[in-house]
Amino acid sequence: MEKRFHMLESFNARGDDGGLYTVCGYEHLARLDGMPHDCEWQPTGVCEYRLATGEPVSSDRAGALTILGRGIKLRRESATAAA
């Protein structure tokens, strides 16, 4: 099975360390082995967040984001604050 990411969104988030981070949300897509290469990619139902640098970000049921391995909690910047 071939797999790839499809970016759904990106946004700025402020860390509890004061830093500004770009967070990207991806869904996982897959194509089964043996299918023609022109066959469409299908969503797997799995999504994840990563920083623009590639570091993984966890999301809990309430939507709180934390940079894994560093424990920095992130808060999404409002669209008006980013403008």
PDB file of N, CA and C in Angstrom:
ATOM      1  N   MET A   1       0.836  -1.172   0.000  1.00  0.00           N
ATOM      2  CA  MET A   1       0.000   0.000   0.000  1.00  0.00           C
ATOM      3  C   MET A   1       0.886   1.242   0.000  1.00  0.00           C
ATOM      4  N   GLU A   2       0.589   2.161  -0.873  1.00  0.00           N
ATOM      5  CA  GLU A   2       1.289   3.446  -0.916  1.00  0.00           C
ATOM      6  C   GLU A   2       0.550   4.425  -0.010  1.00  0.00           C
ATOM      7  N   LYS A   3       1.317   5.287   0.664  1.00  0.00           N
ATOM      8  CA  LYS A   3       0.717   6.287   1.546  1.00  0.00           C
ATOM      9  C   LYS A   3       1.309   7.649   1.241  1.00  0.00           C
ATOM     10  N   ARG A   4       0.528   8.682   1.522  1.00  0.00           N
ATOM     11  CA  ARG A   4       1.032  10.050   1.427  1.00  0.00           C
ATOM     12  C   ARG A   4       0.156  10.961   2.277  1.00  0.00           C
ATOM     13  N   PHE A   5       0.658  12.182   2.514  1.00  0.00           N
ATOM     14  CA  PHE A   5      -0.079  13.189   3.273  1.00  0.00           C
ATOM     15  C   PHE A   5      -0.760  14.155   2.324  1.00  0.00           C
ATOM     16  N   HIS A   6      -1.876  14.705   2.781  1.00  0.00           N
ATOM     17  CA  HIS A   6      -2.564  15.780   2.076  1.00  0.00           C
ATOM     18  C   HIS A   6      -2.794  16.890   3.101  1.00  0.00           C
ATOM     19  N   MET A   7      -2.212  18.085   2.853  1.00  0.00           N
ATOM     20  CA  MET A   7      -2.364  19.178   3.813  1.00  0.00           C
ATOM     21  C   MET A   7      -3.782  19.736   3.751  1.00  0.00           C
ATOM     22  N   LEU A   8      -4.424  19.809   4.917  1.00  0.00           N
ATOM     23  CA  LEU A   8      -5.779  20.326   5.013  1.00  0.00           C
ATOM     24  C   LEU A   8      -5.801  21.795   5.420  1.00  0.00           C
ATOM     25  N   GLU A   9      -4.871  22.180   6.278  1.00  0.00           N
ATOM     26  CA  GLU A   9      -4.855  23.552   6.794  1.00  0.00           C
ATOM     27  C   GLU A   9      -3.483  23.882   7.340  1.00  0.00           C
ATOM     28  N   SER A  10      -3.218  25.165   7.471  1.00  0.00           N
ATOM     29  CA  SER A  10      -2.050  25.629   8.214  1.00  0.00           C
ATOM     30  C   SER A  10      -2.456  26.917   8.923  1.00  0.00           C
ATOM     31  N   PHE A  11      -1.861  27.133  10.083  1.00  0.00           N
ATOM     32  CA  PHE A  11      -2.212  28.313  10.881  1.00  0.00           C
ATOM     33  C   PHE A  11      -1.067  28.628  11.831  1.00  0.00           C
ATOM     34  N   ASN A  12      -1.048  29.856  12.324  1.00  0.00           N
ATOM     35  CA  ASN A  12      -0.056  30.278  13.308  1.00  0.00           C
ATOM     36  C   ASN A  12      -0.591  29.979  14.699  1.00  0.00           C
ATOM     37  N   ALA A  13       0.307  29.588  15.586  1.00  0.00           N
ATOM     38  CA  ALA A  13      -0.047  29.314  16.974  1.00  0.00           C
ATOM     39  C   ALA A  13       1.039  29.884  17.871  1.00  0.00           C
ATOM     40  N   ARG A  14       0.622  30.400  19.017  1.00  0.00           N
ATOM     41  CA  ARG A  14       1.552  30.950  19.999  1.00  0.00           C
ATOM     42  C   ARG A  14       1.815  29.882  21.050  1.00  0.00           C
ATOM     43  N   GLY A  15       3.096  29.641  21.327  1.00  0.00           N
ATOM     44  CA  GLY A  15       3.472  28.662  22.338  1.00  0.00           C
ATOM     45  C   GLY A  15       3.496  29.274  23.719  1.00  0.00           C
ATOM     46  N   ASP A  16       3.340  28.439  24.753  1.00  0.00           N
ATOM     47  CA  ASP A  16       3.419  28.960  26.117  1.00  0.00           C
ATOM     48  C   ASP A  16       4.848  29.392  26.459  1.00  0.00           C
ATOM     49  N   ASP A  17       5.790  29.181  25.532  1.00  0.00           N
ATOM     50  CA  ASP A  17       7.158  29.688  25.666  1.00  0.00           C
ATOM     51  C   ASP A  17       7.302  31.062  25.023  1.00  0.00           C
ATOM     52  N   GLY A  18       6.197  31.600  24.451  1.00  0.00           N
ATOM     53  CA  GLY A  18       6.216  32.909  23.799  1.00  0.00           C
ATOM     54  C   GLY A  18       6.529  32.855  22.320  1.00  0.00           C
ATOM     55  N   GLY A  19       6.939  31.694  21.812  1.00  0.00           N
ATOM     56  CA  GLY A  19       7.300  31.555  20.402  1.00  0.00           C
ATOM     57  C   GLY A  19       6.084  31.477  19.493  1.00  0.00           C
ATOM     58  N   LEU A  20       6.279  31.871  18.245  1.00  0.00           N
ATOM     59  CA  LEU A  20       5.236  31.770  17.230  1.00  0.00           C
ATOM     60  C   LEU A  20       5.587  30.603  16.320  1.00  0.00           C
ATOM     61  N   TYR A  21       4.627  29.701  16.104  1.00  0.00           N
ATOM     62  CA  TYR A  21       4.843  28.478  15.338  1.00  0.00           C
ATOM     63  C   TYR A  21       3.817  28.376  14.225  1.00  0.00           C
ATOM     64  N   THR A  22       4.207  27.760  13.113  1.00  0.00           N
ATOM     65  CA  THR A  22       3.264  27.446  12.044  1.00  0.00           C
ATOM     66  C   THR A  22       2.907  25.971  12.177  1.00  0.00           C
ATOM     67  N   VAL A  23       1.610  25.700  12.315  1.00  0.00           N
ATOM     68  CA  VAL A  23       1.108  24.341  12.489  1.00  0.00           C
ATOM     69  C   VAL A  23       0.387  23.937  11.202  1.00  0.00           C
ATOM     70  N   CYS A  24       0.633  22.718  10.731  1.00  0.00           N
ATOM     71  CA  CYS A  24      -0.011  22.198   9.532  1.00  0.00           C
ATOM     72  C   CYS A  24      -0.808  20.948   9.893  1.00  0.00           C
ATOM     73  N   GLY A  25      -2.039  20.872   9.399  1.00  0.00           N
ATOM     74  CA  GLY A  25      -2.880  19.701   9.608  1.00  0.00           C
ATOM     75  C   GLY A  25      -2.919  18.868   8.337  1.00  0.00           C
ATOM     76  N   TYR A  26      -2.688  17.567   8.471  1.00  0.00           N
ATOM     77  CA  TYR A  26      -2.631  16.657   7.330  1.00  0.00           C
ATOM     78  C   TYR A  26      -3.604  15.496   7.515  1.00  0.00           C
ATOM     79  N   GLU A  27      -4.140  14.999   6.399  1.00  0.00           N
ATOM     80  CA  GLU A  27      -4.850  13.732   6.439  1.00  0.00           C
ATOM     81  C   GLU A  27      -3.996  12.714   5.697  1.00  0.00           C
ATOM     82  N   HIS A  28      -4.078  11.466   6.119  1.00  0.00           N
ATOM     83  CA  HIS A  28      -3.335  10.386   5.473  1.00  0.00           C
ATOM     84  C   HIS A  28      -4.169   9.839   4.322  1.00  0.00           C
ATOM     85  N   LEU A  29      -3.532   9.671   3.169  1.00  0.00           N
ATOM     86  CA  LEU A  29      -4.169   9.074   2.000  1.00  0.00           C
ATOM     87  C   LEU A  29      -3.455   7.775   1.665  1.00  0.00           C
ATOM     88  N   ALA A  30      -4.181   6.854   1.049  1.00  0.00           N
ATOM     89  CA  ALA A  30      -3.574   5.564   0.684  1.00  0.00           C
ATOM     90  C   ALA A  30      -4.110   5.099  -0.661  1.00  0.00           C
ATOM     91  N   ARG A  31      -3.283   4.306  -1.330  1.00  0.00           N
ATOM     92  CA  ARG A  31      -3.671   3.632  -2.576  1.00  0.00           C
ATOM     93  C   ARG A  31      -3.210   2.185  -2.441  1.00  0.00           C
ATOM     94  N   LEU A  32      -4.101   1.250  -2.635  1.00  0.00           N
ATOM     95  CA  LEU A  32      -3.791  -0.161  -2.454  1.00  0.00           C
ATOM     96  C   LEU A  32      -2.825  -0.671  -3.509  1.00  0.00           C
ATOM     97  N   ASP A  33      -1.986  -1.615  -3.103  1.00  0.00           N
ATOM     98  CA  ASP A  33      -1.060  -2.263  -4.030  1.00  0.00           C
ATOM     99  C   ASP A  33      -1.849  -2.944  -5.140  1.00  0.00           C
ATOM    100  N   GLY A  34      -1.302  -2.934  -6.317  1.00  0.00           N
ATOM    101  CA  GLY A  34      -1.939  -3.599  -7.445  1.00  0.00           C
ATOM    102  C   GLY A  34      -2.958  -2.741  -8.171  1.00  0.00           C
ATOM    103  N   MET A  35      -3.268  -1.573  -7.620  1.00  0.00           N
ATOM    104  CA  MET A  35      -4.221  -0.680  -8.286  1.00  0.00           C
ATOM    105  C   MET A  35      -3.470   0.119  -9.345  1.00  0.00           C
ATOM    106  N   PRO A  36      -4.141   0.471 -10.428  1.00  0.00           N
ATOM    107  CA  PRO A  36      -3.479   1.273 -11.470  1.00  0.00           C
ATOM    108  C   PRO A  36      -2.986   2.608 -10.895  1.00  0.00           C
ATOM    109  N   HIS A  37      -1.897   3.127 -11.456  1.00  0.00           N
ATOM    110  CA  HIS A  37      -1.335   4.376 -10.939  1.00  0.00           C
ATOM    111  C   HIS A  37      -2.243   5.574 -11.146  1.00  0.00           C
ATOM    112  N   ASP A  38      -3.230   5.462 -12.024  1.00  0.00           N
ATOM    113  CA  ASP A  38      -4.161   6.576 -12.196  1.00  0.00           C
ATOM    114  C   ASP A  38      -5.349   6.466 -11.240  1.00  0.00           C
ATOM    115  N   CYS A  39      -5.348   5.440 -10.382  1.00  0.00           N
ATOM    116  CA  CYS A  39      -6.399   5.259  -9.379  1.00  0.00           C
ATOM    117  C   CYS A  39      -6.292   6.379  -8.343  1.00  0.00           C
ATOM    118  N   GLU A  40      -7.426   6.882  -7.908  1.00  0.00           N
ATOM    119  CA  GLU A  40      -7.423   7.988  -6.949  1.00  0.00           C
ATOM    120  C   GLU A  40      -6.951   7.538  -5.567  1.00  0.00           C
ATOM    121  N   TRP A  41      -6.310   8.460  -4.870  1.00  0.00           N
ATOM    122  CA  TRP A  41      -5.911   8.248  -3.484  1.00  0.00           C
ATOM    123  C   TRP A  41      -7.153   8.337  -2.616  1.00  0.00           C
ATOM    124  N   GLN A  42      -7.231   7.498  -1.594  1.00  0.00           N
ATOM    125  CA  GLN A  42      -8.387   7.453  -0.707  1.00  0.00           C
ATOM    126  C   GLN A  42      -7.978   7.871   0.711  1.00  0.00           C
ATOM    127  N   PRO A  43      -8.831   8.671   1.401  1.00  0.00           N
ATOM    128  CA  PRO A  43      -8.516   9.022   2.785  1.00  0.00           C
ATOM    129  C   PRO A  43      -8.607   7.796   3.683  1.00  0.00           C
ATOM    130  N   THR A  44      -7.715   7.733   4.670  1.00  0.00           N
ATOM    131  CA  THR A  44      -7.697   6.598   5.594  1.00  0.00           C
ATOM    132  C   THR A  44      -8.469   6.880   6.879  1.00  0.00           C
ATOM    133  N   GLY A  45      -8.864   8.139   7.093  1.00  0.00           N
ATOM    134  CA  GLY A  45      -9.529   8.514   8.335  1.00  0.00           C
ATOM    135  C   GLY A  45      -8.558   8.938   9.427  1.00  0.00           C
ATOM    136  N   VAL A  46      -7.261   8.961   9.108  1.00  0.00           N
ATOM    137  CA  VAL A  46      -6.242   9.362  10.077  1.00  0.00           C
ATOM    138  C   VAL A  46      -5.751  10.759   9.726  1.00  0.00           C
ATOM    139  N   CYS A  47      -5.736  11.641  10.730  1.00  0.00           N
ATOM    140  CA  CYS A  47      -5.233  13.006  10.548  1.00  0.00           C
ATOM    141  C   CYS A  47      -4.178  13.278  11.607  1.00  0.00           C
ATOM    142  N   GLU A  48      -3.296  14.218  11.319  1.00  0.00           N
ATOM    143  CA  GLU A  48      -2.274  14.595  12.298  1.00  0.00           C
ATOM    144  C   GLU A  48      -1.845  16.032  12.074  1.00  0.00           C
ATOM    145  N   TYR A  49      -1.252  16.600  13.124  1.00  0.00           N
ATOM    146  CA  TYR A  49      -0.682  17.941  13.061  1.00  0.00           C
ATOM    147  C   TYR A  49       0.826  17.841  13.188  1.00  0.00           C
ATOM    148  N   ARG A  50       1.511  18.728  12.465  1.00  0.00           N
ATOM    149  CA  ARG A  50       2.966  18.865  12.559  1.00  0.00           C
ATOM    150  C   ARG A  50       3.305  20.341  12.442  1.00  0.00           C
ATOM    151  N   LEU A  51       4.431  20.718  13.032  1.00  0.00           N
ATOM    152  CA  LEU A  51       4.943  22.058  12.797  1.00  0.00           C
ATOM    153  C   LEU A  51       5.460  22.123  11.372  1.00  0.00           C
ATOM    154  N   ALA A  52       5.609  23.315  10.838  1.00  0.00           N
ATOM    155  CA  ALA A  52       6.154  23.487   9.491  1.00  0.00           C
ATOM    156  C   ALA A  52       7.558  22.890   9.397  1.00  0.00           C
ATOM    157  N   THR A  53       8.250  22.763  10.540  1.00  0.00           N
ATOM    158  CA  THR A  53       9.587  22.167  10.574  1.00  0.00           C
ATOM    159  C   THR A  53       9.538  20.644  10.576  1.00  0.00           C
ATOM    160  N   GLY A  54       8.323  20.065  10.698  1.00  0.00           N
ATOM    161  CA  GLY A  54       8.161  18.614  10.686  1.00  0.00           C
ATOM    162  C   GLY A  54       7.967  17.980  12.049  1.00  0.00           C
ATOM    163  N   GLU A  55       8.157  18.743  13.121  1.00  0.00           N
ATOM    164  CA  GLU A  55       7.989  18.174  14.464  1.00  0.00           C
ATOM    165  C   GLU A  55       6.528  17.813  14.709  1.00  0.00           C
ATOM    166  N   PRO A  56       6.271  16.650  15.305  1.00  0.00           N
ATOM    167  CA  PRO A  56       4.889  16.239  15.547  1.00  0.00           C
ATOM    168  C   PRO A  56       4.231  17.054  16.657  1.00  0.00           C
ATOM    169  N   VAL A  57       2.932  17.282  16.495  1.00  0.00           N
ATOM    170  CA  VAL A  57       2.118  18.024  17.456  1.00  0.00           C
ATOM    171  C   VAL A  57       0.930  17.143  17.826  1.00  0.00           C
ATOM    172  N   SER A  58       0.695  16.980  19.134  1.00  0.00           N
ATOM    173  CA  SER A  58      -0.456  16.182  19.558  1.00  0.00           C
ATOM    174  C   SER A  58      -1.670  17.089  19.736  1.00  0.00           C
ATOM    175  N   SER A  59      -2.840  16.498  19.546  1.00  0.00           N
ATOM    176  CA  SER A  59      -4.104  17.195  19.729  1.00  0.00           C
ATOM    177  C   SER A  59      -4.994  16.320  20.599  1.00  0.00           C
ATOM    178  N   ASP A  60      -5.511  16.886  21.695  1.00  0.00           N
ATOM    179  CA  ASP A  60      -6.401  16.091  22.537  1.00  0.00           C
ATOM    180  C   ASP A  60      -7.850  16.285  22.096  1.00  0.00           C
ATOM    181  N   ARG A  61      -8.778  15.627  22.765  1.00  0.00           N
ATOM    182  CA  ARG A  61     -10.194  15.681  22.384  1.00  0.00           C
ATOM    183  C   ARG A  61     -10.765  17.098  22.446  1.00  0.00           C
ATOM    184  N   ALA A  62     -10.213  17.926  23.311  1.00  0.00           N
ATOM    185  CA  ALA A  62     -10.683  19.306  23.447  1.00  0.00           C
ATOM    186  C   ALA A  62     -10.048  20.224  22.403  1.00  0.00           C
ATOM    187  N   GLY A  63      -9.095  19.692  21.623  1.00  0.00           N
ATOM    188  CA  GLY A  63      -8.438  20.480  20.588  1.00  0.00           C
ATOM    189  C   GLY A  63      -7.169  21.175  21.043  1.00  0.00           C
ATOM    190  N   ALA A  64      -6.728  20.925  22.278  1.00  0.00           N
ATOM    191  CA  ALA A  64      -5.483  21.518  22.775  1.00  0.00           C
ATOM    192  C   ALA A  64      -4.302  20.891  22.046  1.00  0.00           C
ATOM    193  N   LEU A  65      -3.357  21.733  21.636  1.00  0.00           N
ATOM    194  CA  LEU A  65      -2.191  21.288  20.873  1.00  0.00           C
ATOM    195  C   LEU A  65      -0.929  21.378  21.725  1.00  0.00           C
ATOM    196  N   THR A  66      -0.059  20.367  21.622  1.00  0.00           N
ATOM    197  CA  THR A  66       1.207  20.336  22.346  1.00  0.00           C
ATOM    198  C   THR A  66       2.286  19.801  21.421  1.00  0.00           C
ATOM    199  N   ILE A  67       3.447  20.477  21.396  1.00  0.00           N
ATOM    200  CA  ILE A  67       4.572  19.991  20.609  1.00  0.00           C
ATOM    201  C   ILE A  67       5.153  18.778  21.330  1.00  0.00           C
ATOM    202  N   LEU A  68       5.117  17.626  20.685  1.00  0.00           N
ATOM    203  CA  LEU A  68       5.622  16.398  21.295  1.00  0.00           C
ATOM    204  C   LEU A  68       7.126  16.488  21.501  1.00  0.00           C
ATOM    205  N   GLY A  69       7.598  15.929  22.589  1.00  0.00           N
ATOM    206  CA  GLY A  69       9.021  15.924  22.886  1.00  0.00           C
ATOM    207  C   GLY A  69       9.511  17.192  23.560  1.00  0.00           C
ATOM    208  N   ARG A  70       8.740  18.276  23.441  1.00  0.00           N
ATOM    209  CA  ARG A  70       9.136  19.530  24.080  1.00  0.00           C
ATOM    210  C   ARG A  70       8.106  19.995  25.111  1.00  0.00           C
ATOM    211  N   GLY A  71       6.882  19.478  25.023  1.00  0.00           N
ATOM    212  CA  GLY A  71       5.845  19.821  25.991  1.00  0.00           C
ATOM    213  C   GLY A  71       5.324  21.245  25.899  1.00  0.00           C
ATOM    214  N   ILE A  72       5.623  21.928  24.803  1.00  0.00           N
ATOM    215  CA  ILE A  72       5.156  23.311  24.636  1.00  0.00           C
ATOM    216  C   ILE A  72       3.700  23.288  24.194  1.00  0.00           C
ATOM    217  N   LYS A  73       2.839  23.952  24.976  1.00  0.00           N
ATOM    218  CA  LYS A  73       1.424  24.025  24.631  1.00  0.00           C
ATOM    219  C   LYS A  73       1.210  25.177  23.658  1.00  0.00           C
ATOM    220  N   LEU A  74       0.364  24.947  22.649  1.00  0.00           N
ATOM    221  CA  LEU A  74       0.117  25.932  21.605  1.00  0.00           C
ATOM    222  C   LEU A  74      -1.309  26.439  21.664  1.00  0.00           C
ATOM    223  N   ARG A  75      -1.487  27.709  21.333  1.00  0.00           N
ATOM    224  CA  ARG A  75      -2.807  28.313  21.225  1.00  0.00           C
ATOM    225  C   ARG A  75      -2.922  28.962  19.850  1.00  0.00           C
ATOM    226  N   ARG A  76      -3.938  28.559  19.107  1.00  0.00           N
ATOM    227  CA  ARG A  76      -4.138  29.080  17.748  1.00  0.00           C
ATOM    228  C   ARG A  76      -4.310  30.596  17.797  1.00  0.00           C
ATOM    229  N   GLU A  77      -3.587  31.290  16.925  1.00  0.00           N
ATOM    230  CA  GLU A  77      -3.727  32.734  16.800  1.00  0.00           C
ATOM    231  C   GLU A  77      -5.007  33.032  16.041  1.00  0.00           C
ATOM    232  N   SER A  78      -5.711  34.061  16.437  1.00  0.00           N
ATOM    233  CA  SER A  78      -6.929  34.426  15.720  1.00  0.00           C
ATOM    234  C   SER A  78      -6.554  35.027  14.369  1.00  0.00           C
ATOM    235  N   ALA A  79      -7.458  34.905  13.404  1.00  0.00           N
ATOM    236  CA  ALA A  79      -7.205  35.409  12.052  1.00  0.00           C
ATOM    237  C   ALA A  79      -6.985  36.918  12.074  1.00  0.00           C
ATOM    238  N   THR A  80      -7.697  37.627  12.941  1.00  0.00           N
ATOM    239  CA  THR A  80      -7.545  39.087  12.988  1.00  0.00           C
ATOM    240  C   THR A  80      -6.209  39.465  13.605  1.00  0.00           C
ATOM    241  N   ALA A  81      -5.703  38.659  14.549  1.00  0.00           N
ATOM    242  CA  ALA A  81      -4.419  38.974  15.183  1.00  0.00           C
ATOM    243  C   ALA A  81      -3.266  38.754  14.210  1.00  0.00           C
ATOM    244  N   ALA A  82      -3.437  37.798  13.276  1.00  0.00           N
ATOM    245  CA  ALA A  82      -2.371  37.485  12.319  1.00  0.00           C
ATOM    246  C   ALA A  82      -2.313  38.508  11.191  1.00  0.00           C
ATOM    247  N   ALA A  83      -3.391  39.245  10.963  1.00  0.00           N
ATOM    248  CA  ALA A  83      -3.446  40.188   9.850  1.00  0.00           C
ATOM    249  C   ALA A  83      -2.738  41.478  10.150  1.00  0.00           C
TER     250      ALA A  83
END
